[in-house]
Amino acid sequence: MLDREGFRPNVGIILLNHRNQVFWGKRIRTHSWQFPQGGIKHGESPEQAMFRELHEEVGLLPEHVRIVARTRDWLRYEVPQHFIRKDARGHYKGQKQIWFLLQLMGRDCDMNLRASTHPEFDAWRWHEYWVPLETVIEFKRDVYQLALSELARFLPKPQSGGGGAGNRYLRGNMRGAHGGRVDGEDGGEGAQDPWPHADSTSEAESPHASLARLSPVAAK
C-alpha cells in the first residue's frame, strides 16, 4: 500500500538494553547492519505493526519490551531505482517510517532471529546508541540520523551492573556468555498515542556530527 507520493508506510525499531545500548542486526547474507523495520499492513496501526515486526525479526513479544517514545511524524527515505523491482518502478518511491524507541524488559536469551520462516538477520550485537552510519546502507543513513537524534532525549537513565557485554558479536546458533542467541517491508496512521512524541523541530541532545565520527562495527 502506497501513499499518493509513492511511499509505503513502515515502522522502525530502536531497541535498548539496560545500558542504553541498541540492538544492531546484520542483514542475512550481507555485510550491512541495521535496526529492525517492516511495512505496515492494511488495517494495522503503527504500534500493531511494530509489535508484529519485533516478533518476526527479533523473536520478542510485547511483554518483553516497554515503549519509551516514538517519532512525531513520518520520516522518509527514497530507494534507488536499481533496488526497486521492475514492476514497481514509476510509482514506488520509497518508505515513510514511524520510529519506536523500546526498552528491553526481558533477557537476551528471549531473542530468536528465526522466529519467522523468512529471517531478516543472521547475527546481532549490542552497540552504543550513536551507531556508525557507514555500516548502514547509504540511502537509509539520513533517516537513521533523524530518528536517533529525535528520540535521544527520551533515553532512560542507564542501569549499572548486570549481564550483557557491550560489543558482543553473535552468529550462527551459538549462545553467548550471557545467554544471547542468534538463529537466523503495507498502512495507516494510529490514533493519539499514550507514549511521548519527540518534537521534530527542536534540537537533539547529541549533535548530528557525532554520528560521523564513530568507527565502523568490527565483527569479532
C-alpha atoms as a PDB file:
ATOM      1  CA  MET A   1       0.000   0.000   0.000  1.00  0.00           C
ATOM      2  CA  LEU A   2       1.472   3.310  -1.141  1.00  0.00           C
ATOM      3  CA  ASP A   3       0.519   6.884  -0.324  1.00  0.00           C
ATOM      4  CA  ARG A   4      -0.115   9.487  -3.029  1.00  0.00           C
ATOM      5  CA  GLU A   5       3.577  10.317  -3.217  1.00  0.00           C
ATOM      6  CA  GLY A   6       4.661   6.700  -3.691  1.00  0.00           C
ATOM      7  CA  PHE A   7       5.905   5.989  -0.154  1.00  0.00           C
ATOM      8  CA  ARG A   8       4.981   2.809   1.696  1.00  0.00           C
ATOM      9  CA  PRO A   9       4.105   3.121   5.421  1.00  0.00           C
ATOM     10  CA  ASN A  10       6.683   1.418   7.598  1.00  0.00           C
ATOM     11  CA  VAL A  11       7.899   1.213  11.175  1.00  0.00           C
ATOM     12  CA  GLY A  12      11.441   1.261  12.549  1.00  0.00           C
ATOM     13  CA  ILE A  13      12.548  -0.065  15.926  1.00  0.00           C
ATOM     14  CA  ILE A  14      15.354   1.116  18.204  1.00  0.00           C
ATOM     15  CA  LEU A  15      15.625  -1.483  20.958  1.00  0.00           C
ATOM     16  CA  LEU A  16      17.591  -0.573  24.098  1.00  0.00           C
ATOM     17  CA  ASN A  17      19.121  -2.746  26.784  1.00  0.00           C
ATOM     18  CA  HIS A  18      19.547  -1.618  30.392  1.00  0.00           C
ATOM     19  CA  ARG A  19      22.791   0.190  29.466  1.00  0.00           C
ATOM     20  CA  ASN A  20      21.085   2.158  26.645  1.00  0.00           C
ATOM     21  CA  GLN A  21      22.917   0.152  24.037  1.00  0.00           C
ATOM     22  CA  VAL A  22      20.925  -0.651  20.901  1.00  0.00           C
ATOM     23  CA  PHE A  23      20.128  -3.877  19.100  1.00  0.00           C
ATOM     24  CA  TRP A  24      22.181  -3.911  15.914  1.00  0.00           C
ATOM     25  CA  GLY A  25      21.326  -6.621  13.383  1.00  0.00           C
ATOM     26  CA  LYS A  26      23.397  -7.901  10.468  1.00  0.00           C
ATOM     27  CA  ARG A  27      21.201  -8.414   7.402  1.00  0.00           C
ATOM     28  CA  ILE A  28      21.198 -12.025   6.346  1.00  0.00           C
ATOM     29  CA  ARG A  29      23.963 -12.923   3.902  1.00  0.00           C
ATOM     30  CA  THR A  30      25.254  -9.327   3.694  1.00  0.00           C
ATOM     31  CA  HIS A  31      27.754  -7.106   5.485  1.00  0.00           C
ATOM     32  CA  SER A  32      25.136  -4.399   6.223  1.00  0.00           C
ATOM     33  CA  TRP A  33      23.889  -3.678   9.738  1.00  0.00           C
ATOM     34  CA  GLN A  34      20.549  -2.081  10.586  1.00  0.00           C
ATOM     35  CA  PHE A  35      17.688  -1.700  13.057  1.00  0.00           C
ATOM     36  CA  PRO A  36      14.582  -3.880  12.765  1.00  0.00           C
ATOM     37  CA  GLN A  37      11.944  -2.422  10.448  1.00  0.00           C
ATOM     38  CA  GLY A  38       8.988  -3.503   8.325  1.00  0.00           C
ATOM     39  CA  GLY A  39       5.862  -2.487   6.447  1.00  0.00           C
ATOM     40  CA  ILE A  40       2.521  -1.559   7.997  1.00  0.00           C
ATOM     41  CA  LYS A  41      -0.186  -3.858   6.691  1.00  0.00           C
ATOM     42  CA  HIS A  42      -3.664  -2.685   5.698  1.00  0.00           C
ATOM     43  CA  GLY A  43      -5.741  -2.117   8.846  1.00  0.00           C
ATOM     44  CA  GLU A  44      -2.757  -2.087  11.204  1.00  0.00           C
ATOM     45  CA  SER A  45      -1.782   0.823  13.400  1.00  0.00           C
ATOM     46  CA  PRO A  46       1.938   1.680  13.603  1.00  0.00           C
ATOM     47  CA  GLU A  47       2.029   0.154  17.092  1.00  0.00           C
ATOM     48  CA  GLN A  48       0.479  -3.111  15.924  1.00  0.00           C
ATOM     49  CA  ALA A  49       2.920  -3.299  13.013  1.00  0.00           C
ATOM     50  CA  MET A  50       5.816  -2.601  15.351  1.00  0.00           C
ATOM     51  CA  PHE A  51       4.947  -5.494  17.669  1.00  0.00           C
ATOM     52  CA  ARG A  52       4.461  -7.843  14.700  1.00  0.00           C
ATOM     53  CA  GLU A  53       7.813  -6.898  13.179  1.00  0.00           C
ATOM     54  CA  LEU A  54       9.519  -7.113  16.555  1.00  0.00           C
ATOM     55  CA  HIS A  55       8.445 -10.734  16.847  1.00  0.00           C
ATOM     56  CA  GLU A  56       9.110 -11.669  13.219  1.00  0.00           C
ATOM     57  CA  GLU A  57      12.620 -10.187  13.128  1.00  0.00           C
ATOM     58  CA  VAL A  58      13.844 -10.418  16.736  1.00  0.00           C
ATOM     59  CA  GLY A  59      11.530 -13.014  18.310  1.00  0.00           C
ATOM     60  CA  LEU A  60      10.329 -10.741  21.117  1.00  0.00           C
ATOM     61  CA  LEU A  61       6.756 -10.442  22.428  1.00  0.00           C
ATOM     62  CA  PRO A  62       5.020  -7.289  23.777  1.00  0.00           C
ATOM     63  CA  GLU A  63       5.707  -8.361  27.359  1.00  0.00           C
ATOM     64  CA  HIS A  64       9.448  -8.390  26.648  1.00  0.00           C
ATOM     65  CA  VAL A  65       9.622  -4.627  25.938  1.00  0.00           C
ATOM     66  CA  ARG A  66       8.400  -1.225  27.109  1.00  0.00           C
ATOM     67  CA  ILE A  67       7.535   1.579  24.667  1.00  0.00           C
ATOM     68  CA  VAL A  68       9.608   4.602  25.682  1.00  0.00           C
ATOM     69  CA  ALA A  69       8.741   7.028  22.848  1.00  0.00           C
ATOM     70  CA  ARG A  70       8.032   7.331  19.124  1.00  0.00           C
ATOM     71  CA  THR A  71       8.736   9.890  16.418  1.00  0.00           C
ATOM     72  CA  ARG A  72       6.020  12.516  15.994  1.00  0.00           C
ATOM     73  CA  ASP A  73       5.937  12.495  12.192  1.00  0.00           C
ATOM     74  CA  TRP A  74       6.809  10.207   9.296  1.00  0.00           C
ATOM     75  CA  LEU A  75      10.478  10.053   8.339  1.00  0.00           C
ATOM     76  CA  ARG A  76      11.029   9.293   4.643  1.00  0.00           C
ATOM     77  CA  TYR A  77      13.756   7.818   2.505  1.00  0.00           C
ATOM     78  CA  GLU A  78      13.839   7.185  -1.236  1.00  0.00           C
ATOM     79  CA  VAL A  79      15.016   3.844  -2.604  1.00  0.00           C
ATOM     80  CA  PRO A  80      17.394   3.966  -5.581  1.00  0.00           C
ATOM     81  CA  GLN A  81      15.906   2.673  -8.829  1.00  0.00           C
ATOM     82  CA  HIS A  82      18.231  -0.320  -9.087  1.00  0.00           C
ATOM     83  CA  PHE A  83      16.871  -1.609  -5.745  1.00  0.00           C
ATOM     84  CA  ILE A  84      13.238  -1.411  -6.948  1.00  0.00           C
ATOM     85  CA  ARG A  85      11.531  -4.286  -8.739  1.00  0.00           C
ATOM     86  CA  LYS A  86      10.876  -3.504 -12.405  1.00  0.00           C
ATOM     87  CA  ASP A  87       7.109  -3.881 -11.996  1.00  0.00           C
ATOM     88  CA  ALA A  88       7.113  -1.258  -9.190  1.00  0.00           C
ATOM     89  CA  ARG A  89       9.243   1.360 -10.909  1.00  0.00           C
ATOM     90  CA  GLY A  90       7.427   4.578 -11.765  1.00  0.00           C
ATOM     91  CA  HIS A  91       5.008   4.513  -8.809  1.00  0.00           C
ATOM     92  CA  TYR A  92       7.019   3.173  -5.833  1.00  0.00           C
ATOM     93  CA  LYS A  93       9.365   5.819  -4.425  1.00  0.00           C
ATOM     94  CA  GLY A  94      10.473   4.604  -1.000  1.00  0.00           C
ATOM     95  CA  GLN A  95       9.458   4.274   2.639  1.00  0.00           C
ATOM     96  CA  LYS A  96       7.894   6.569   5.225  1.00  0.00           C
ATOM     97  CA  GLN A  97       8.501   5.453   8.773  1.00  0.00           C
ATOM     98  CA  ILE A  98       7.341   5.931  12.341  1.00  0.00           C
ATOM     99  CA  TRP A  99      10.192   5.037  14.670  1.00  0.00           C
ATOM    100  CA  PHE A 100       9.702   3.491  18.108  1.00  0.00           C
ATOM    101  CA  LEU A 101      12.161   3.584  20.997  1.00  0.00           C
ATOM    102  CA  LEU A 102      11.779   0.427  23.088  1.00  0.00           C
ATOM    103  CA  GLN A 103      13.442  -0.789  26.261  1.00  0.00           C
ATOM    104  CA  LEU A 104      14.099  -4.487  26.674  1.00  0.00           C
ATOM    105  CA  MET A 105      12.417  -5.767  29.831  1.00  0.00           C
ATOM    106  CA  GLY A 106      13.237  -9.399  29.140  1.00  0.00           C
ATOM    107  CA  ARG A 107      16.563 -11.128  28.654  1.00  0.00           C
ATOM    108  CA  ASP A 108      18.974 -11.527  25.762  1.00  0.00           C
ATOM    109  CA  CYS A 109      18.019 -15.176  25.518  1.00  0.00           C
ATOM    110  CA  ASP A 110      14.408 -14.194  24.743  1.00  0.00           C
ATOM    111  CA  MET A 111      15.582 -13.100  21.300  1.00  0.00           C
ATOM    112  CA  ASN A 112      15.267 -15.501  18.382  1.00  0.00           C
ATOM    113  CA  LEU A 113      16.290 -14.452  14.880  1.00  0.00           C
ATOM    114  CA  ARG A 114      14.490 -17.447  13.392  1.00  0.00           C
ATOM    115  CA  ALA A 115      11.057 -16.707  14.816  1.00  0.00           C
ATOM    116  CA  SER A 116       9.749 -16.427  11.241  1.00  0.00           C
ATOM    117  CA  THR A 117      10.345 -18.526   8.133  1.00  0.00           C
ATOM    118  CA  HIS A 118      11.985 -15.536   6.407  1.00  0.00           C
ATOM    119  CA  PRO A 119      14.628 -14.210   8.836  1.00  0.00           C
ATOM    120  CA  GLU A 120      15.935 -10.689   8.336  1.00  0.00           C
ATOM    121  CA  PHE A 121      19.155 -11.048  10.337  1.00  0.00           C
ATOM    122  CA  ASP A 122      21.766 -13.762  10.748  1.00  0.00           C
ATOM    123  CA  ALA A 123      23.675 -12.074  13.606  1.00  0.00           C
ATOM    124  CA  TRP A 124      23.217  -9.338  16.174  1.00  0.00           C
ATOM    125  CA  ARG A 125      25.083  -7.372  18.829  1.00  0.00           C
ATOM    126  CA  TRP A 126      24.567  -4.585  21.357  1.00  0.00           C
ATOM    127  CA  HIS A 127      26.082  -1.312  20.189  1.00  0.00           C
ATOM    128  CA  GLU A 128      26.434   2.167  21.680  1.00  0.00           C
ATOM    129  CA  TYR A 129      23.406   4.384  20.917  1.00  0.00           C
ATOM    130  CA  TRP A 130      25.153   6.552  18.319  1.00  0.00           C
ATOM    131  CA  VAL A 131      25.671   3.810  15.779  1.00  0.00           C
ATOM    132  CA  PRO A 132      28.192   4.208  12.925  1.00  0.00           C
ATOM    133  CA  LEU A 133      26.290   5.236   9.804  1.00  0.00           C
ATOM    134  CA  GLU A 134      28.953   3.903   7.460  1.00  0.00           C
ATOM    135  CA  THR A 135      27.757   0.373   8.233  1.00  0.00           C
ATOM    136  CA  VAL A 136      24.185   1.267   7.157  1.00  0.00           C
ATOM    137  CA  ILE A 137      23.144   1.096   3.515  1.00  0.00           C
ATOM    138  CA  GLU A 138      23.625   4.622   2.148  1.00  0.00           C
ATOM    139  CA  PHE A 139      20.029   5.582   1.275  1.00  0.00           C
ATOM    140  CA  LYS A 140      18.856   4.901   4.859  1.00  0.00           C
ATOM    141  CA  ARG A 141      21.512   6.925   6.654  1.00  0.00           C
ATOM    142  CA  ASP A 142      19.688  10.281   6.837  1.00  0.00           C
ATOM    143  CA  VAL A 143      16.590   8.655   8.362  1.00  0.00           C
ATOM    144  CA  TYR A 144      18.720   6.828  10.929  1.00  0.00           C
ATOM    145  CA  GLN A 145      20.369  10.117  11.893  1.00  0.00           C
ATOM    146  CA  LEU A 146      16.982  11.847  12.220  1.00  0.00           C
ATOM    147  CA  ALA A 147      15.407   9.034  14.256  1.00  0.00           C
ATOM    148  CA  LEU A 148      18.325   8.668  16.666  1.00  0.00           C
ATOM    149  CA  SER A 149      18.556  12.443  17.184  1.00  0.00           C
ATOM    150  CA  GLU A 150      14.801  12.915  17.672  1.00  0.00           C
ATOM    151  CA  LEU A 151      14.481  10.112  20.219  1.00  0.00           C
ATOM    152  CA  ALA A 152      17.727  10.672  22.139  1.00  0.00           C
ATOM    153  CA  ARG A 153      16.054  12.927  24.744  1.00  0.00           C
ATOM    154  CA  PHE A 154      13.869  10.029  25.907  1.00  0.00           C
ATOM    155  CA  LEU A 155      16.715   7.674  26.744  1.00  0.00           C
ATOM    156  CA  PRO A 156      16.147   6.159  30.210  1.00  0.00           C
ATOM    157  CA  LYS A 157      18.753   6.548  32.909  1.00  0.00           C
ATOM    158  CA  PRO A 158      21.247   3.713  32.328  1.00  0.00           C
ATOM    159  CA  GLN A 159      21.370   0.983  34.952  1.00  0.00           C
ATOM    160  CA  SER A 160      24.721  -0.146  36.299  1.00  0.00           C
ATOM    161  CA  GLY A 161      25.766  -3.742  36.653  1.00  0.00           C
ATOM    162  CA  GLY A 162      24.049  -6.756  35.183  1.00  0.00           C
ATOM    163  CA  GLY A 163      24.960  -9.001  32.277  1.00  0.00           C
ATOM    164  CA  GLY A 164      25.443  -8.223  28.631  1.00  0.00           C
ATOM    165  CA  ALA A 165      28.794  -7.325  27.123  1.00  0.00           C
ATOM    166  CA  GLY A 166      28.768  -4.102  25.112  1.00  0.00           C
ATOM    167  CA  ASN A 167      30.494  -5.273  21.959  1.00  0.00           C
ATOM    168  CA  ARG A 168      29.390  -8.865  21.764  1.00  0.00           C
ATOM    169  CA  TYR A 169      29.048 -10.205  18.210  1.00  0.00           C
ATOM    170  CA  LEU A 170      26.854 -13.275  17.903  1.00  0.00           C
ATOM    171  CA  ARG A 171      26.435 -15.547  14.933  1.00  0.00           C
ATOM    172  CA  GLY A 172      25.238 -18.983  13.912  1.00  0.00           C
ATOM    173  CA  ASN A 173      23.259 -20.863  16.563  1.00  0.00           C
ATOM    174  CA  MET A 174      25.748 -20.150  19.322  1.00  0.00           C
ATOM    175  CA  ARG A 175      24.772 -18.828  22.733  1.00  0.00           C
ATOM    176  CA  GLY A 176      26.849 -16.063  24.241  1.00  0.00           C
ATOM    177  CA  ALA A 177      28.201 -15.989  27.733  1.00  0.00           C
ATOM    178  CA  HIS A 178      25.092 -14.156  28.910  1.00  0.00           C
ATOM    179  CA  GLY A 179      22.554 -16.299  27.080  1.00  0.00           C
ATOM    180  CA  GLY A 180      22.206 -14.226  23.893  1.00  0.00           C
ATOM    181  CA  ARG A 181      21.229 -16.211  20.820  1.00  0.00           C
ATOM    182  CA  VAL A 182      21.330 -15.828  17.083  1.00  0.00           C
ATOM    183  CA  ASP A 183      19.190 -18.136  14.972  1.00  0.00           C
ATOM    184  CA  GLY A 184      18.690 -16.883  11.733  1.00  0.00           C
ATOM    185  CA  GLU A 185       8.959  -4.046   4.491  1.00  0.00           C
ATOM    186  CA  ASP A 186       1.781  -2.483   3.811  1.00  0.00           C
ATOM    187  CA  GLY A 187      -0.664   1.050   6.308  1.00  0.00           C
ATOM    188  CA  GLY A 188      -2.444   3.510   8.469  1.00  0.00           C
ATOM    189  CA  GLU A 189      -1.792   6.163  10.989  1.00  0.00           C
ATOM    190  CA  GLY A 190      -2.700   5.394  14.582  1.00  0.00           C
ATOM    191  CA  ALA A 191      -4.799   7.413  16.976  1.00  0.00           C
ATOM    192  CA  GLN A 192      -3.358   9.534  19.760  1.00  0.00           C
ATOM    193  CA  ASP A 193      -0.642   7.502  21.440  1.00  0.00           C
ATOM    194  CA  PRO A 194      -0.016   7.233  25.193  1.00  0.00           C
ATOM    195  CA  TRP A 195       3.779   7.386  24.979  1.00  0.00           C
ATOM    196  CA  PRO A 196       5.917  10.528  24.430  1.00  0.00           C
ATOM    197  CA  HIS A 197       6.483  12.015  20.992  1.00  0.00           C
ATOM    198  CA  ALA A 198       9.678  13.794  20.046  1.00  0.00           C
ATOM    199  CA  ASP A 199       9.330  17.377  18.852  1.00  0.00           C
ATOM    200  CA  SER A 200      10.745  17.204  15.352  1.00  0.00           C
ATOM    201  CA  THR A 201      11.509  20.941  15.324  1.00  0.00           C
ATOM    202  CA  SER A 202      13.675  21.027  18.430  1.00  0.00           C
ATOM    203  CA  GLU A 203      17.365  20.459  18.859  1.00  0.00           C
ATOM    204  CA  ALA A 204      18.591  16.948  19.559  1.00  0.00           C
ATOM    205  CA  GLU A 205      20.576  16.056  22.623  1.00  0.00           C
ATOM    206  CA  SER A 206      23.570  14.855  20.632  1.00  0.00           C
ATOM    207  CA  PRO A 207      24.817  16.707  17.531  1.00  0.00           C
ATOM    208  CA  HIS A 208      24.447  15.017  14.171  1.00  0.00           C
ATOM    209  CA  ALA A 209      28.170  15.356  13.683  1.00  0.00           C
ATOM    210  CA  SER A 210      28.817  12.841  16.452  1.00  0.00           C
ATOM    211  CA  LEU A 211      27.483  10.069  14.241  1.00  0.00           C
ATOM    212  CA  ALA A 212      30.045  10.625  11.529  1.00  0.00           C
ATOM    213  CA  ARG A 213      32.953  10.408  13.973  1.00  0.00           C
ATOM    214  CA  LEU A 214      32.189   6.872  15.086  1.00  0.00           C
ATOM    215  CA  SER A 215      34.238   3.989  13.768  1.00  0.00           C
ATOM    216  CA  PRO A 216      32.717   1.056  11.866  1.00  0.00           C
ATOM    217  CA  VAL A 217      31.367  -2.021  13.605  1.00  0.00           C
ATOM    218  CA  ALA A 218      34.086  -4.620  13.726  1.00  0.00           C
ATOM    219  CA  ALA A 219      32.987  -8.227  13.795  1.00  0.00           C
ATOM    220  CA  LYS A 220      34.864 -10.310  16.265  1.00  0.00           C
END
